[in-house]
Structure formats: C-alpha cells, structure tokens
Amino acid sequence: MAKPNYAFAKRQRDLAKKQKKEEKLKQKAEAQQRPAQAEELPQPPADKTPNE
C-alpha cells in the first residue's frame, strides 16, 4: 500500500488558501471602486410614464 504524500497535500491546501485569499482581496478592491464610480456617473432621470 502506498504512503500518503503529506507534503503534496499540504502544498495543495496552501495554494488553494492563497488563491482564495487573493480572490477575496480582488473582490474587496472592486467593491471599493464601485461606489466611487457610482458617485462619478450621474444617474439618468427615471422615465415618468403613467401606470394606467
């Protein structure tokens, strides 16, 4: 029976953790930029149509 390769498993876990952390930081950076962009772009006026 083959021995488990613990070093390989640990490396895979660490790489997955690092990738997840980078994605989270990227999402936070995008979220911080979205409100700044919303302030810069004026909202178009809403169409006033009768509800009838």
C-alpha atoms as a PDB file:
ATOM      1  CA  MET A   1       0.000   0.000   0.000  1.00  0.00           C
ATOM      2  CA  ALA A   2       1.318   3.452  -0.916  1.00  0.00           C
ATOM      3  CA  LYS A   3       2.170   6.027   1.720  1.00  0.00           C
ATOM      4  CA  PRO A   4       0.193   9.264   1.716  1.00  0.00           C
ATOM      5  CA  ASN A   5       2.222  12.208   0.467  1.00  0.00           C
ATOM      6  CA  TYR A   6       1.512  14.725   3.219  1.00  0.00           C
ATOM      7  CA  ALA A   7       3.860  17.363   1.784  1.00  0.00           C
ATOM      8  CA  PHE A   8       1.966  17.357  -1.517  1.00  0.00           C
ATOM      9  CA  ALA A   9      -1.406  17.577   0.243  1.00  0.00           C
ATOM     10  CA  LYS A  10      -0.194  20.472   2.387  1.00  0.00           C
ATOM     11  CA  ARG A  11       1.135  22.308  -0.670  1.00  0.00           C
ATOM     12  CA  GLN A  12      -2.205  21.886  -2.429  1.00  0.00           C
ATOM     13  CA  ARG A  13      -4.099  23.211   0.620  1.00  0.00           C
ATOM     14  CA  ASP A  14      -1.757  26.204   0.886  1.00  0.00           C
ATOM     15  CA  LEU A  15      -2.113  27.028  -2.810  1.00  0.00           C
ATOM     16  CA  ALA A  16      -5.909  26.805  -2.585  1.00  0.00           C
ATOM     17  CA  LYS A  17      -5.917  29.021   0.510  1.00  0.00           C
ATOM     18  CA  LYS A  18      -3.661  31.589  -1.180  1.00  0.00           C
ATOM     19  CA  GLN A  19      -5.830  31.645  -4.306  1.00  0.00           C
ATOM     20  CA  LYS A  20      -8.996  32.093  -2.247  1.00  0.00           C
ATOM     21  CA  LYS A  21      -7.400  34.942  -0.288  1.00  0.00           C
ATOM     22  CA  GLU A  22      -6.307  36.706  -3.490  1.00  0.00           C
ATOM     23  CA  GLU A  23      -9.820  36.405  -4.949  1.00  0.00           C
ATOM     24  CA  LYS A  24     -11.285  37.857  -1.768  1.00  0.00           C
ATOM     25  CA  LEU A  25      -8.880  40.822  -1.855  1.00  0.00           C
ATOM     26  CA  LYS A  26      -9.715  41.380  -5.530  1.00  0.00           C
ATOM     27  CA  GLN A  27     -13.452  41.413  -4.759  1.00  0.00           C
ATOM     28  CA  LYS A  28     -12.917  43.889  -1.911  1.00  0.00           C
ATOM     29  CA  ALA A  29     -10.910  46.181  -4.196  1.00  0.00           C
ATOM     30  CA  GLU A  30     -13.649  46.045  -6.837  1.00  0.00           C
ATOM     31  CA  ALA A  31     -16.307  46.767  -4.215  1.00  0.00           C
ATOM     32  CA  GLN A  32     -14.394  49.829  -3.045  1.00  0.00           C
ATOM     33  CA  GLN A  33     -14.126  51.131  -6.609  1.00  0.00           C
ATOM     34  CA  ARG A  34     -17.803  50.597  -7.448  1.00  0.00           C
ATOM     35  CA  PRO A  35     -19.125  53.256  -5.025  1.00  0.00           C
ATOM     36  CA  ALA A  36     -16.506  55.694  -6.320  1.00  0.00           C
ATOM     37  CA  GLN A  37     -17.660  55.054  -9.887  1.00  0.00           C
ATOM     38  CA  ALA A  38     -21.301  55.434  -8.874  1.00  0.00           C
ATOM     39  CA  GLU A  39     -20.547  58.891  -7.471  1.00  0.00           C
ATOM     40  CA  GLU A  40     -18.816  59.951 -10.683  1.00  0.00           C
ATOM     41  CA  LEU A  41     -21.572  58.769 -13.030  1.00  0.00           C
ATOM     42  CA  PRO A  42     -24.821  60.699 -12.651  1.00  0.00           C
ATOM     43  CA  GLN A  43     -27.967  58.614 -12.614  1.00  0.00           C
ATOM     44  CA  PRO A  44     -30.139  59.024 -15.707  1.00  0.00           C
ATOM     45  CA  PRO A  45     -33.559  60.526 -14.971  1.00  0.00           C
ATOM     46  CA  ALA A  46     -36.273  57.957 -14.491  1.00  0.00           C
ATOM     47  CA  ASP A  47     -38.950  57.804 -17.189  1.00  0.00           C
ATOM     48  CA  LYS A  48     -42.220  59.113 -15.888  1.00  0.00           C
ATOM     49  CA  THR A  49     -44.895  57.000 -17.511  1.00  0.00           C
ATOM     50  CA  PRO A  50     -48.463  56.714 -16.317  1.00  0.00           C
ATOM     51  CA  ASN A  51     -49.232  53.485 -14.510  1.00  0.00           C
ATOM     52  CA  GLU A  52     -52.595  53.131 -16.256  1.00  0.00           C
END
